Amino acid sequence: MILANFRLSFKYLLILFSMLATNAVADEGQFSAANTAWILNSSALVLLMTLPGLALFYGGLVRSKNVLSILMQCFSIAALVSVLWFAIGYSLAFDAGNSFIGGLGKALLSGIGRDSLSGDIPEPLFMLFQMTFAIITPALIIGGFAERMKFSAVLIFSGTWLLLVYAPITHWVWGGGWLAQLGLYDFAGGTVVHITAGVAALVAAKVLGPRKGFLNSAIMPHNLTMTVTGAGMLWVGWFGFNGGSALGANGTAAMAILATHLAASMGAMTWAAIEWIKFGKPSALGIVTGMVAGLGTITPASGYVGPAGALVIGLLGGIVCFYSTVYIKQKLKIDDSLDVFPVHGVGGILGTLLAGVFSSTQLGVFSGYGFAAVNETMIDQLGVQIIGVAATFTYTAVVTWLLFVIIRKLLGGLRVSTEQEVNGLDLSEHEETGYSL
């Protein structure tokens, strides 16, 4: 009996030591099933943000004669970017290369198999997760040229912009490039996604000019039910966007999701409150736009700040993005059709700067709960954040403008004809209609 108990105890000790050894191996950067499972789920959540989340959000905001064109552009960009990312985009972003651009060593996933690891998750999964970010970024730009750009121009621009703007800046920030070396805080895409997409949309709106009727009267959304549905999917998907950027099922991911949710909630409440005070009634469009503003603003800071900091960032995001939208549309008369720059661009700029403020341990209850600070003081980190914002803004604006100039010459114009615009892009570009009477 004693011998049997000894054998049983020894068996349990062996199991315990085996578990400890397994954990030790995982800690050393070997394969982690838990982290892999989380990033698999996060990849699905981020793809959900574009298809169908963004497609529905944008589709409801345009007029009924253009709803299918928006859905078609979102789906086509998702397919095109996926192929280009596999072929060369991932390599340009994440291969070693130099401080400004990655090499071609990972083109077509050369040398990468099912057992290859990036950290402690399979590298094919890391590539897939990053692919979903690469998909949504050019898809966001659709809002800057909605209802008036040729479908052929959309495809050429999206593909070339991915390789010439998105991939290099991704390398700067997340691929070990010069901004990463400076210590830029961008947890999930304030510079890489939101500033690039917002600035590109602003350039697109200026280059193409306003839609017919924009200067004379307000152009109203045709289906806010569709927009609110898409907004809900964006909110849920953003948990994978920000939480997945921790690249592990850990406390940083949990805190990032909590910060994301609180900022979105505060952004939504703030925008609705401003409308209530200014116009007497809050709107459904306003509350979902405020939610997106809160999400865009918290994105770069989500892994570095705590819940209190997230609330302040969401509040500021709602206020600043609201007045930016009013200023750009009513004062500057720029037809950034679906408010990409004032919401994503301005939100990304604001959030990237605030990441350098609210990650500081000097702020007590507002201080960061993520990674340790790279620089010793808030001022040092804020200086790095300003450099990151300025470089991303300038590079994106210049290259985007050059791309539009070249594509316009190549195709003999970027816009559809006046007649085609009046009839709607659904018919003129796709010979279909969104609704049958």
Protein backbone atom coordinates (compact mmCIF):
# COMPACT_ATOMS: atom_id res chain seq x y z
CA MET A 1 0.00 0.00 0.00
CA ILE A 2 2.83 2.39 0.94
CA LEU A 3 4.68 1.47 -2.27
CA ALA A 4 1.55 2.13 -4.31
CA ASN A 5 1.08 5.54 -2.70
CA PHE A 6 4.76 6.35 -3.32
CA ARG A 7 4.40 5.42 -6.99
CA LEU A 8 1.27 7.57 -7.28
CA SER A 9 2.98 10.53 -5.61
CA PHE A 10 6.03 10.10 -7.84
CA LYS A 11 3.74 10.02 -10.90
CA TYR A 12 2.11 13.32 -9.86
CA LEU A 13 5.54 14.88 -9.27
CA LEU A 14 6.61 13.85 -12.76
CA ILE A 15 3.46 15.45 -14.19
CA LEU A 16 4.11 18.63 -12.21
CA PHE A 17 7.74 18.85 -13.35
CA SER A 18 6.60 18.20 -16.91
CA MET A 19 4.13 21.06 -16.71
CA LEU A 20 6.76 23.38 -15.24
CA ALA A 21 9.20 22.41 -17.97
CA THR A 22 6.59 23.04 -20.64
CA ASN A 23 5.84 26.47 -19.21
CA ALA A 24 9.54 27.26 -19.03
CA VAL A 25 9.94 26.37 -22.70
CA ALA A 26 6.96 28.52 -23.62
CA ASP A 27 8.44 31.42 -21.67
CA GLU A 28 11.61 31.12 -23.70
CA GLY A 29 9.70 31.94 -26.90
CA GLN A 30 8.65 28.48 -28.03
CA PHE A 31 5.21 27.65 -29.43
CA SER A 32 2.30 28.77 -27.23
CA ALA A 33 -1.09 27.18 -27.90
CA ALA A 34 -2.90 29.79 -25.81
CA ASN A 35 -1.37 32.75 -27.63
CA THR A 36 -1.92 31.06 -30.99
CA ALA A 37 -5.61 30.51 -30.20
CA TRP A 38 -6.03 34.16 -29.22
CA ILE A 39 -4.38 35.51 -32.37
CA LEU A 40 -6.44 33.13 -34.53
CA ASN A 41 -9.56 34.65 -32.98
CA SER A 42 -8.17 38.18 -33.24
CA SER A 43 -7.47 37.72 -36.95
CA ALA A 44 -11.09 36.78 -37.52
CA LEU A 45 -12.26 39.79 -35.48
CA VAL A 46 -10.12 42.24 -37.45
CA LEU A 47 -11.30 40.83 -40.79
CA LEU A 48 -14.87 41.20 -39.47
CA MET A 49 -14.16 44.91 -39.10
CA THR A 50 -13.81 45.26 -42.88
CA LEU A 51 -16.14 42.49 -44.03
CA PRO A 52 -18.89 43.20 -43.31
CA GLY A 53 -18.35 45.87 -40.62
CA LEU A 54 -16.79 48.74 -42.57
CA ALA A 55 -18.66 47.76 -45.74
CA LEU A 56 -22.00 48.16 -43.95
CA PHE A 57 -20.90 51.27 -42.04
CA TYR A 58 -19.81 53.07 -45.22
CA GLY A 59 -22.55 51.54 -47.37
CA GLY A 60 -25.28 53.06 -45.24
CA LEU A 61 -23.66 56.49 -45.28
CA VAL A 62 -23.78 56.96 -49.06
CA ARG A 63 -26.84 57.43 -51.26
CA SER A 64 -28.81 54.36 -52.35
CA LYS A 65 -27.53 54.62 -55.92
CA ASN A 66 -23.97 54.02 -54.68
CA VAL A 67 -24.40 51.42 -51.95
CA LEU A 68 -23.22 48.47 -54.04
CA SER A 69 -20.17 50.37 -55.24
CA ILE A 70 -19.04 50.76 -51.62
CA LEU A 71 -19.62 47.09 -50.84
CA MET A 72 -17.83 46.10 -54.04
CA GLN A 73 -14.83 48.31 -53.22
CA CYS A 74 -14.51 46.86 -49.71
CA PHE A 75 -14.68 43.26 -50.94
CA SER A 76 -12.32 43.90 -53.87
CA ILE A 77 -9.75 45.67 -51.71
CA ALA A 78 -9.84 42.79 -49.21
CA ALA A 79 -9.11 40.28 -51.99
CA LEU A 80 -6.48 42.39 -53.78
CA VAL A 81 -4.59 43.32 -50.62
CA SER A 82 -4.57 39.71 -49.40
CA VAL A 83 -2.79 38.53 -52.54
CA LEU A 84 -0.34 41.46 -52.59
CA TRP A 85 0.42 41.07 -48.88
CA PHE A 86 1.28 37.40 -49.41
CA ALA A 87 3.31 38.11 -52.54
CA ILE A 88 5.45 41.00 -51.34
CA GLY A 89 3.76 43.32 -48.83
CA TYR A 90 4.51 41.25 -45.73
CA SER A 91 8.15 41.00 -46.70
CA LEU A 92 8.47 44.74 -47.32
CA ALA A 93 6.96 45.39 -43.90
CA PHE A 94 8.58 42.72 -41.72
CA ASP A 95 11.69 41.36 -43.39
CA ALA A 96 14.95 42.70 -41.95
CA GLY A 97 15.86 45.10 -44.76
CA ASN A 98 17.04 48.48 -43.49
CA SER A 99 15.63 51.27 -41.32
CA PHE A 100 13.20 52.42 -44.01
CA ILE A 101 11.96 49.33 -45.86
CA GLY A 102 12.06 45.57 -45.45
CA GLY A 103 13.81 43.24 -47.85
CA LEU A 104 12.39 40.54 -50.13
CA GLY A 105 13.50 37.57 -48.06
CA LYS A 106 9.92 36.77 -47.01
CA ALA A 107 8.29 37.36 -50.43
CA LEU A 108 5.74 34.61 -51.17
CA LEU A 109 6.50 33.46 -47.60
CA SER A 110 9.85 32.14 -48.76
CA GLY A 111 11.44 29.92 -46.11
CA ILE A 112 8.34 30.06 -43.88
CA GLY A 113 6.55 26.79 -43.08
CA ARG A 114 3.84 25.64 -40.71
CA ASP A 115 6.40 25.20 -37.92
CA SER A 116 8.05 28.60 -38.38
CA LEU A 117 7.55 30.88 -35.39
CA SER A 118 7.25 34.61 -34.90
CA GLY A 119 7.77 34.96 -31.18
CA ASP A 120 5.73 32.08 -29.77
CA ILE A 121 3.01 31.93 -32.47
CA PRO A 122 3.27 30.47 -35.98
CA GLU A 123 4.67 33.01 -38.42
CA PRO A 124 1.96 32.24 -41.02
CA LEU A 125 -0.55 33.30 -38.36
CA PHE A 126 1.38 36.49 -37.59
CA MET A 127 1.39 37.22 -41.33
CA LEU A 128 -2.38 36.61 -41.48
CA PHE A 129 -3.04 38.84 -38.48
CA GLN A 130 -1.03 41.65 -40.03
CA MET A 131 -2.81 41.03 -43.34
CA THR A 132 -6.13 41.96 -41.76
CA PHE A 133 -4.63 45.33 -40.76
CA ALA A 134 -3.31 45.78 -44.28
CA ILE A 135 -6.83 45.11 -45.61
CA ILE A 136 -8.73 47.61 -43.50
CA THR A 137 -6.32 50.52 -43.94
CA PRO A 138 -6.81 51.16 -47.71
CA ALA A 139 -10.48 50.23 -47.25
CA LEU A 140 -10.84 53.14 -44.82
CA ILE A 141 -9.65 55.53 -47.54
CA ILE A 142 -12.79 54.72 -49.58
CA GLY A 143 -14.60 57.28 -47.45
CA GLY A 144 -12.51 60.09 -48.95
CA PHE A 145 -13.50 59.43 -52.58
CA ALA A 146 -16.85 57.67 -52.18
CA GLU A 147 -19.51 58.11 -54.90
CA ARG A 148 -17.24 59.58 -57.57
CA MET A 149 -14.06 57.58 -58.30
CA LYS A 150 -13.63 55.05 -61.11
CA PHE A 151 -13.51 51.45 -59.94
CA SER A 152 -10.35 50.84 -61.98
CA ALA A 153 -8.68 53.80 -60.25
CA VAL A 154 -9.74 52.46 -56.85
CA LEU A 155 -8.04 49.12 -57.51
CA ILE A 156 -4.82 50.57 -58.95
CA PHE A 157 -4.56 53.13 -56.17
CA SER A 158 -5.27 50.65 -53.36
CA GLY A 159 -2.68 48.15 -54.57
CA THR A 160 0.12 50.66 -55.18
CA TRP A 161 -0.67 52.59 -52.00
CA LEU A 162 -0.39 49.40 -49.97
CA LEU A 163 3.13 48.74 -51.27
CA LEU A 164 4.44 52.31 -51.39
CA VAL A 165 2.84 53.83 -48.26
CA TYR A 166 1.42 51.23 -45.90
CA ALA A 167 4.22 48.64 -46.07
CA PRO A 168 7.10 51.12 -45.56
CA ILE A 169 5.42 52.88 -42.63
CA THR A 170 4.55 49.52 -41.07
CA HIS A 171 8.24 48.67 -41.30
CA TRP A 172 9.20 51.99 -39.70
CA VAL A 173 6.94 51.33 -36.70
CA TRP A 174 6.48 47.57 -36.25
CA GLY A 175 9.14 46.03 -38.45
CA GLY A 176 12.18 47.32 -36.59
CA GLY A 177 12.55 50.49 -38.68
CA TRP A 178 13.73 53.92 -37.65
CA LEU A 179 10.62 54.93 -35.68
CA ALA A 180 10.75 51.68 -33.72
CA GLN A 181 14.40 52.40 -32.98
CA LEU A 182 13.45 55.85 -31.68
CA GLY A 183 10.94 54.21 -29.34
CA LEU A 184 7.64 55.36 -30.89
CA TYR A 185 4.53 54.24 -29.01
CA ASP A 186 1.99 52.89 -31.47
CA PHE A 187 0.41 49.82 -29.99
CA ALA A 188 -2.15 48.96 -32.67
CA GLY A 189 -2.00 51.48 -35.51
CA GLY A 190 -2.38 55.18 -34.70
CA THR A 191 0.30 56.03 -37.24
CA VAL A 192 0.34 52.86 -39.32
CA VAL A 193 -3.43 52.67 -39.87
CA HIS A 194 -5.33 55.78 -38.84
CA ILE A 195 -3.00 58.62 -39.78
CA THR A 196 -2.07 57.01 -43.09
CA ALA A 197 -5.70 56.31 -44.03
CA GLY A 198 -6.93 59.71 -42.81
CA VAL A 199 -4.26 61.70 -44.64
CA ALA A 200 -4.72 59.67 -47.83
CA ALA A 201 -8.48 60.29 -47.70
CA LEU A 202 -7.91 64.02 -47.25
CA VAL A 203 -5.57 64.10 -50.25
CA ALA A 204 -8.09 62.09 -52.29
CA ALA A 205 -10.89 64.52 -51.42
CA LYS A 206 -8.77 67.49 -52.48
CA VAL A 207 -7.51 65.90 -55.71
CA LEU A 208 -10.92 64.62 -56.88
CA GLY A 209 -12.95 67.60 -55.70
CA PRO A 210 -16.40 67.52 -54.11
CA ARG A 211 -19.37 65.42 -55.19
CA LYS A 212 -22.03 67.05 -57.34
CA GLY A 213 -24.35 68.95 -55.01
CA PHE A 214 -22.02 68.93 -52.00
CA LEU A 215 -21.53 72.71 -51.99
CA ASN A 216 -25.25 73.44 -52.37
CA SER A 217 -26.92 71.11 -49.91
CA ALA A 218 -26.26 68.37 -47.39
CA ILE A 219 -25.86 64.86 -48.81
CA MET A 220 -27.65 62.54 -46.41
CA PRO A 221 -27.03 58.85 -45.63
CA HIS A 222 -29.54 56.51 -47.24
CA ASN A 223 -29.66 53.75 -44.59
CA LEU A 224 -28.60 54.52 -41.02
CA THR A 225 -29.79 51.09 -39.88
CA MET A 226 -27.06 49.58 -42.06
CA THR A 227 -24.53 52.09 -40.69
CA VAL A 228 -25.34 51.38 -37.05
CA THR A 229 -25.13 47.63 -37.70
CA GLY A 230 -21.70 48.06 -39.26
CA ALA A 231 -20.62 50.30 -36.39
CA GLY A 232 -21.51 47.58 -33.90
CA MET A 233 -19.32 45.13 -35.80
CA LEU A 234 -16.47 47.62 -35.79
CA TRP A 235 -16.76 48.01 -32.02
CA VAL A 236 -16.64 44.26 -31.42
CA GLY A 237 -13.93 43.69 -34.01
CA TRP A 238 -11.75 46.37 -32.42
CA PHE A 239 -11.22 44.04 -29.44
CA GLY A 240 -9.17 41.86 -31.78
CA PHE A 241 -7.57 44.89 -33.40
CA ASN A 242 -6.20 46.32 -30.14
CA GLY A 243 -6.26 43.28 -27.88
CA GLY A 244 -4.67 41.07 -30.53
CA SER A 245 -1.81 43.53 -30.93
CA ALA A 246 -0.44 42.26 -27.61
CA LEU A 247 0.30 39.08 -29.61
CA GLY A 248 -0.56 36.99 -26.60
CA ALA A 249 -3.35 35.95 -24.24
CA ASN A 250 -2.06 38.02 -21.37
CA GLY A 251 -2.66 40.98 -19.07
CA THR A 252 -1.62 43.52 -21.70
CA ALA A 253 -4.28 42.18 -24.07
CA ALA A 254 -6.91 42.33 -21.34
CA MET A 255 -6.00 45.89 -20.36
CA ALA A 256 -5.91 46.96 -24.01
CA ILE A 257 -9.44 45.62 -24.54
CA LEU A 258 -10.70 47.33 -21.40
CA ALA A 259 -9.11 50.63 -22.45
CA THR A 260 -10.56 50.22 -25.95
CA HIS A 261 -14.08 49.65 -24.68
CA LEU A 262 -14.00 52.55 -22.23
CA ALA A 263 -12.63 54.98 -24.82
CA ALA A 264 -15.27 53.93 -27.35
CA SER A 265 -18.01 54.39 -24.77
CA MET A 266 -16.75 57.81 -23.72
CA GLY A 267 -16.29 58.93 -27.33
CA ALA A 268 -19.87 57.92 -28.18
CA MET A 269 -21.31 59.69 -25.12
CA THR A 270 -19.25 62.82 -25.74
CA TRP A 271 -20.28 63.22 -29.40
CA ALA A 272 -23.94 62.62 -28.55
CA ALA A 273 -23.76 65.13 -25.69
CA ILE A 274 -22.27 67.83 -27.93
CA GLU A 275 -25.05 67.30 -30.49
CA TRP A 276 -27.67 67.42 -27.73
CA ILE A 277 -26.32 70.74 -26.47
CA LYS A 278 -25.78 72.33 -29.89
CA PHE A 279 -28.78 71.01 -31.82
CA GLY A 280 -31.30 70.01 -29.17
CA LYS A 281 -31.25 66.30 -30.05
CA PRO A 282 -28.57 63.58 -30.22
CA SER A 283 -28.44 61.50 -33.42
CA ALA A 284 -27.76 57.84 -34.12
CA LEU A 285 -25.18 58.88 -36.71
CA GLY A 286 -23.49 61.08 -34.11
CA ILE A 287 -23.23 58.44 -31.41
CA VAL A 288 -21.71 55.83 -33.75
CA THR A 289 -19.30 58.38 -35.23
CA GLY A 290 -18.24 59.33 -31.70
CA MET A 291 -17.70 55.68 -30.93
CA VAL A 292 -15.39 55.32 -33.95
CA ALA A 293 -13.58 58.52 -32.91
CA GLY A 294 -12.99 57.06 -29.46
CA LEU A 295 -11.74 53.81 -30.95
CA GLY A 296 -9.41 55.51 -33.41
CA THR A 297 -7.99 57.75 -30.70
CA ILE A 298 -7.31 54.97 -28.19
CA THR A 299 -5.74 52.61 -30.75
CA PRO A 300 -2.10 53.78 -30.53
CA ALA A 301 -2.29 54.10 -26.74
CA SER A 302 -4.39 51.05 -25.90
CA GLY A 303 -1.51 48.85 -24.71
CA TYR A 304 0.21 51.62 -22.76
CA VAL A 305 -2.52 53.32 -20.73
CA GLY A 306 -4.86 52.39 -17.92
CA PRO A 307 -8.65 52.70 -17.67
CA ALA A 308 -8.65 56.28 -16.36
CA GLY A 309 -6.35 57.42 -19.15
CA ALA A 310 -8.59 55.65 -21.67
CA LEU A 311 -11.63 57.60 -20.46
CA VAL A 312 -9.80 60.91 -20.89
CA ILE A 313 -8.55 59.90 -24.33
CA GLY A 314 -12.08 58.90 -25.38
CA LEU A 315 -13.44 62.21 -24.10
CA LEU A 316 -10.83 64.26 -25.93
CA GLY A 317 -11.26 62.14 -29.06
CA GLY A 318 -14.99 62.83 -29.11
CA ILE A 319 -14.55 66.57 -28.67
CA VAL A 320 -11.64 67.13 -31.06
CA CYS A 321 -12.95 64.86 -33.81
CA PHE A 322 -16.43 66.45 -33.65
CA TYR A 323 -15.13 69.98 -34.17
CA SER A 324 -12.62 68.80 -36.76
CA THR A 325 -15.48 67.30 -38.78
CA VAL A 326 -17.46 70.53 -38.62
CA TYR A 327 -14.43 72.63 -39.55
CA ILE A 328 -13.38 70.53 -42.54
CA LYS A 329 -16.87 70.26 -44.02
CA GLN A 330 -18.37 73.65 -43.21
CA LYS A 331 -15.35 75.97 -43.12
CA LEU A 332 -12.87 74.40 -45.54
CA LYS A 333 -15.60 72.91 -47.78
CA ILE A 334 -13.59 69.72 -48.30
CA ASP A 335 -15.77 66.77 -49.31
CA ASP A 336 -14.09 64.03 -47.31
CA SER A 337 -17.31 62.17 -47.93
CA LEU A 338 -17.41 59.86 -44.91
CA ASP A 339 -15.23 61.93 -42.54
CA VAL A 340 -12.16 59.75 -42.70
CA PHE A 341 -9.60 62.45 -41.92
CA PRO A 342 -11.43 64.26 -39.08
CA VAL A 343 -12.30 60.96 -37.38
CA HIS A 344 -9.46 58.55 -38.19
CA GLY A 345 -6.71 60.99 -39.17
CA VAL A 346 -7.26 63.51 -36.39
CA GLY A 347 -8.09 60.74 -33.94
CA GLY A 348 -4.91 58.88 -34.86
CA ILE A 349 -2.80 62.02 -34.45
CA LEU A 350 -4.38 62.89 -31.12
CA GLY A 351 -4.12 59.34 -29.80
CA THR A 352 -0.50 58.96 -30.85
CA LEU A 353 0.41 62.15 -29.01
CA LEU A 354 -1.63 61.22 -25.94
CA ALA A 355 0.07 57.81 -25.80
CA GLY A 356 3.21 59.70 -24.88
CA VAL A 357 1.37 61.55 -22.11
CA PHE A 358 -0.88 58.99 -20.44
CA SER A 359 1.68 56.17 -20.53
CA SER A 360 3.82 58.18 -18.14
CA THR A 361 4.23 56.91 -14.58
CA GLN A 362 4.29 60.56 -13.52
CA LEU A 363 0.50 60.77 -13.85
CA GLY A 364 -0.45 58.37 -11.08
CA VAL A 365 -3.93 56.93 -11.68
CA PHE A 366 -3.68 57.83 -15.38
CA SER A 367 -0.32 56.13 -15.90
CA GLY A 368 0.40 53.25 -18.24
CA TYR A 369 -0.25 49.60 -17.50
CA GLY A 370 1.52 48.17 -20.55
CA PHE A 371 5.16 48.11 -21.51
CA ALA A 372 7.81 50.04 -19.63
CA ALA A 373 8.60 53.50 -20.94
CA VAL A 374 11.39 53.71 -23.49
CA ASN A 375 12.33 57.24 -22.48
CA GLU A 376 12.81 58.51 -18.96
CA THR A 377 10.44 61.47 -19.07
CA MET A 378 7.08 62.35 -20.59
CA ILE A 379 8.66 65.18 -22.58
CA ASP A 380 11.17 62.81 -24.19
CA GLN A 381 8.44 60.36 -25.21
CA LEU A 382 6.17 63.13 -26.45
CA GLY A 383 9.00 64.37 -28.66
CA VAL A 384 9.29 60.92 -30.25
CA GLN A 385 5.51 60.82 -30.76
CA ILE A 386 5.58 64.20 -32.54
CA ILE A 387 8.33 62.99 -34.87
CA GLY A 388 6.31 59.87 -35.66
CA VAL A 389 3.16 61.87 -36.44
CA ALA A 390 5.00 64.42 -38.59
CA ALA A 391 6.93 61.80 -40.58
CA THR A 392 3.85 59.63 -41.18
CA PHE A 393 1.70 62.62 -42.19
CA THR A 394 4.28 64.08 -44.58
CA TYR A 395 5.32 60.84 -46.27
CA THR A 396 1.71 59.68 -46.71
CA ALA A 397 0.54 63.02 -48.13
CA VAL A 398 3.37 63.32 -50.67
CA VAL A 399 3.30 59.74 -51.96
CA THR A 400 -0.51 59.60 -52.06
CA TRP A 401 -0.64 62.81 -54.10
CA LEU A 402 1.98 61.50 -56.53
CA LEU A 403 0.04 58.25 -56.94
CA PHE A 404 -3.13 60.11 -57.82
CA VAL A 405 -1.28 62.27 -60.35
CA ILE A 406 0.21 59.21 -62.05
CA ILE A 407 -3.02 57.18 -62.04
CA ARG A 408 -4.99 60.15 -63.42
CA LYS A 409 -2.61 60.33 -66.39
CA LEU A 410 -2.66 56.56 -66.83
CA LEU A 411 -6.45 56.28 -66.92
CA GLY A 412 -7.24 59.67 -68.42
CA GLY A 413 -8.98 60.78 -65.22
CA LEU A 414 -9.87 59.58 -61.74
CA ARG A 415 -13.56 60.49 -61.66
CA VAL A 416 -16.50 59.00 -63.46
CA SER A 417 -18.33 61.31 -65.84
CA THR A 418 -20.98 63.75 -64.60
CA GLU A 419 -23.71 61.59 -66.12
CA GLN A 420 -22.36 58.46 -64.47
CA GLU A 421 -22.11 60.22 -61.11
CA VAL A 422 -25.69 61.47 -61.35
CA ASN A 423 -26.97 57.99 -62.28
CA GLY A 424 -24.90 56.40 -59.52
CA LEU A 425 -21.86 54.14 -59.50
CA ASP A 426 -23.91 51.01 -58.93
CA LEU A 427 -25.25 51.21 -62.48
CA SER A 428 -22.40 52.99 -64.23
CA GLU A 429 -19.57 50.87 -62.80
CA HIS A 430 -21.23 47.53 -62.00
CA GLU A 431 -24.56 47.42 -63.91
CA GLU A 432 -26.43 46.55 -60.72
CA THR A 433 -28.74 48.18 -58.21
CA GLY A 434 -28.79 47.80 -54.47
CA TYR A 435 -32.57 47.84 -54.15
CA SER A 436 -35.41 46.64 -56.38
CA LEU A 437 -38.68 48.56 -56.26
